[in-house]
Amino acid sequence: MKKAIQQFLRDEEGAAAIEYALLVGLISVMVIGGATLAGTSIQTIFTTISTALQTAAGNTGVKG
């Protein structure tokens, strides 16, 4: 029994799997954060372009 416990404590495969899982989780958080920031920036750019086009066309946004 003592030998089995010592072998279990020396086994590093489980620790490596946990480390990889933590890395994947961290990378996922970074990708989601980057995509969110990029999406916000792109939305701002398209809003600015839309406003400029409406101003140039003399459109006040009222349909009629």
C-alpha atoms as a PDB file:
ATOM      1  CA  MET A   1       0.000   0.000   0.000  1.00  0.00           C
ATOM      2  CA  LYS A   2       2.807   2.406   0.878  1.00  0.00           C
ATOM      3  CA  LYS A   3       4.491   1.721  -2.458  1.00  0.00           C
ATOM      4  CA  ALA A   4       1.264   2.473  -4.365  1.00  0.00           C
ATOM      5  CA  ILE A   5       0.875   5.817  -2.578  1.00  0.00           C
ATOM      6  CA  GLN A   6       4.495   6.768  -3.305  1.00  0.00           C
ATOM      7  CA  GLN A   7       4.048   5.844  -6.960  1.00  0.00           C
ATOM      8  CA  PHE A   8       0.860   7.919  -7.126  1.00  0.00           C
ATOM      9  CA  LEU A   9       2.628  10.933  -5.636  1.00  0.00           C
ATOM     10  CA  ARG A  10       5.502  10.631  -8.134  1.00  0.00           C
ATOM     11  CA  ASP A  11       3.182  10.328 -11.137  1.00  0.00           C
ATOM     12  CA  GLU A  12       3.270  13.649 -13.019  1.00  0.00           C
ATOM     13  CA  GLU A  13       0.917  12.868 -15.917  1.00  0.00           C
ATOM     14  CA  GLY A  14      -2.108  14.240 -14.067  1.00  0.00           C
ATOM     15  CA  ALA A  15      -0.249  17.415 -13.167  1.00  0.00           C
ATOM     16  CA  ALA A  16       0.787  17.920 -16.788  1.00  0.00           C
ATOM     17  CA  ALA A  17      -2.808  17.484 -17.946  1.00  0.00           C
ATOM     18  CA  ILE A  18      -3.977  20.086 -15.435  1.00  0.00           C
ATOM     19  CA  GLU A  19      -1.264  22.502 -16.577  1.00  0.00           C
ATOM     20  CA  TYR A  20      -2.304  22.082 -20.205  1.00  0.00           C
ATOM     21  CA  ALA A  21      -5.959  22.619 -19.270  1.00  0.00           C
ATOM     22  CA  LEU A  22      -5.046  25.832 -17.445  1.00  0.00           C
ATOM     23  CA  LEU A  23      -3.048  27.052 -20.453  1.00  0.00           C
ATOM     24  CA  VAL A  24      -5.929  26.310 -22.823  1.00  0.00           C
ATOM     25  CA  GLY A  25      -8.318  28.156 -20.502  1.00  0.00           C
ATOM     26  CA  LEU A  26      -6.033  31.186 -20.306  1.00  0.00           C
ATOM     27  CA  ILE A  27      -5.549  31.280 -24.064  1.00  0.00           C
ATOM     28  CA  SER A  28      -9.327  31.034 -24.554  1.00  0.00           C
ATOM     29  CA  VAL A  29      -9.916  33.987 -22.238  1.00  0.00           C
ATOM     30  CA  MET A  30      -7.326  36.040 -24.135  1.00  0.00           C
ATOM     31  CA  VAL A  31      -8.869  35.186 -27.526  1.00  0.00           C
ATOM     32  CA  ILE A  32     -12.378  36.065 -26.332  1.00  0.00           C
ATOM     33  CA  GLY A  33     -11.131  39.346 -24.855  1.00  0.00           C
ATOM     34  CA  GLY A  34      -9.302  40.242 -28.056  1.00  0.00           C
ATOM     35  CA  ALA A  35     -12.310  39.412 -30.209  1.00  0.00           C
ATOM     36  CA  THR A  36     -14.545  41.539 -27.991  1.00  0.00           C
ATOM     37  CA  LEU A  37     -12.217  44.530 -28.249  1.00  0.00           C
ATOM     38  CA  ALA A  38     -11.884  44.114 -32.016  1.00  0.00           C
ATOM     39  CA  GLY A  39     -15.666  43.853 -32.383  1.00  0.00           C
ATOM     40  CA  THR A  40     -16.177  47.069 -30.444  1.00  0.00           C
ATOM     41  CA  SER A  41     -13.596  48.887 -32.556  1.00  0.00           C
ATOM     42  CA  ILE A  42     -15.113  47.652 -35.803  1.00  0.00           C
ATOM     43  CA  GLN A  43     -18.593  48.712 -34.663  1.00  0.00           C
ATOM     44  CA  THR A  44     -17.264  52.202 -33.895  1.00  0.00           C
ATOM     45  CA  ILE A  45     -15.661  52.449 -37.334  1.00  0.00           C
ATOM     46  CA  PHE A  46     -18.877  51.422 -39.129  1.00  0.00           C
ATOM     47  CA  THR A  47     -20.948  53.852 -37.031  1.00  0.00           C
ATOM     48  CA  THR A  48     -18.570  56.681 -37.942  1.00  0.00           C
ATOM     49  CA  ILE A  49     -18.754  55.778 -41.653  1.00  0.00           C
ATOM     50  CA  SER A  50     -22.560  55.553 -41.512  1.00  0.00           C
ATOM     51  CA  THR A  51     -22.843  58.946 -39.842  1.00  0.00           C
ATOM     52  CA  ALA A  52     -20.493  60.531 -42.376  1.00  0.00           C
ATOM     53  CA  LEU A  53     -22.447  59.072 -45.289  1.00  0.00           C
ATOM     54  CA  GLN A  54     -25.780  60.253 -43.876  1.00  0.00           C
ATOM     55  CA  THR A  55     -24.363  63.734 -43.332  1.00  0.00           C
ATOM     56  CA  ALA A  56     -22.944  63.853 -46.856  1.00  0.00           C
ATOM     57  CA  ALA A  57     -26.263  62.733 -48.326  1.00  0.00           C
ATOM     58  CA  GLY A  58     -28.198  65.277 -46.275  1.00  0.00           C
ATOM     59  CA  ASN A  59     -30.193  62.465 -44.696  1.00  0.00           C
ATOM     60  CA  THR A  60     -31.370  63.106 -41.174  1.00  0.00           C
ATOM     61  CA  GLY A  61     -32.373  59.494 -40.679  1.00  0.00           C
ATOM     62  CA  VAL A  62     -36.120  60.247 -40.979  1.00  0.00           C
ATOM     63  CA  LYS A  63     -37.914  58.032 -43.490  1.00  0.00           C
ATOM     64  CA  GLY A  64     -40.550  59.600 -45.554  1.00  0.00           C
END
